[in-house]
Amino acid sequence: MPAGERLERLRELFRSAPADVTGLLGEWFTTYHADLYAHGVSFDVYVEKAMAIRRDLGSARRVLDLGAGFGVYAALLRESGIPQVVALDYHAEKARIAARLHGHLGLDGVQVLRGDATALPFPARSFDAAVALASLSHIRDPERALDEVARVLRPGGRLFVFEDNNTAYPGYWKNMSRVWEGAETGRYSDDLPPERHRNESYIEIRKSMIRERFPDLSPEALDSCARATRGLYGKGIFRAVEEYRSRGSITNPRRRLVCHPVSGEFEEYPLNPSLVRRFLTRAGFKSRLRCPLTGPYRGRRGALVWIASRILTVWPSLVARTSPVFSVLANLPVPSKGPPGSESRRT
């Protein structure tokens, strides 16, 4: 199928009734993309954003989409002319839906994998570029994930990071506290969209895990341990309960965070441009802020966004305090030639 027809077929999916798309790709796909199906966002916004990212990735021929979700941006990057895109996500169901989407589009050149961003299943220096689009804030160890990206990129490789929850933006903590409280307790505020609701609260999941592993705990101790292990996952929860049994208390430096008790995926890890750039520097990247706002800009509000995008293009340092979203473009320096057998960066 020609590229233009594939893009139009993808566009048509987002014009269709959610019930029709649910039959093909499942309800999770439509609720996740509620901005398009329920809130009137144009699919052209996705297309323009993908084209802008494509330009920032330069001549990259093999690109890793880290935390690719349902594969929409992987499809758009492939349609933009990138010969090979590898779409990787931790969730097996998201990967399955992405594969179905790409099959529906007749898309070639995209490989969909289920994998862990903190232990990428690829050899060193196997990609020209990578993207992390609203995914870094969900990975249980974003610093380690960036180390892994640095490992699998070739010298001179580029990484494009986009995040839509900027902790430096006024109002972030107030808005996100509603999301965190809902995921943790199951009590959601009335103004939080249904697509942000979870079927089971994290505290109840932890309580079930602890009850199964430690059936002798009293109801009071069980409840105390479930609350005190907020932000922990997997074996970390059980180690904390063992600490409670031996010392009567739990030391938990992650208590301010909220993550899924089984996968460790963050509801939202608090990130901002400065913190992301610090993580990138530690991983060996050089980085710079990019304007996070892309078109098309329509209507009165669109005109204001267009003006803001021009300002942020000229002065990206303003992003940290003036935009709820931010983008960072990073690259791995090309090693300078040294004595035979020497290298200036990790392999």
Foldseek 3Di string as FASTA:
>chain_A
DDLVQLVVVVQVLLVDALVVNCVQQNNLVCLVVCCSRPVPDHCVQLLQLLLVVLVLQPPWQEEEEEQCFQPPSVSSVVSSPRQAYEYEHQDPSRLVSNVSSCVVSVDPRYHGYHDALLDDPDAFQQTQEYEYEQQLQFHLDSLSSLLVVNRNHHAFHKYKYKHLAQLLEPPRVVVCVQLQCCQAPVDHDPPDDPSSHDPDHQLVVLLVVCCVVCVPDDPVLSSVLSLQQALEADVRSVVQSVCCVVPVHGDDPRNVFHHRRYNSTGSGRHDHPVRVCVSNVVSQKDKDWAQPDTDDQDDPVSVVSVVVSVVCRVVVVCCNYPHSMTMMMITHHHFDDDPPPDTDHDD
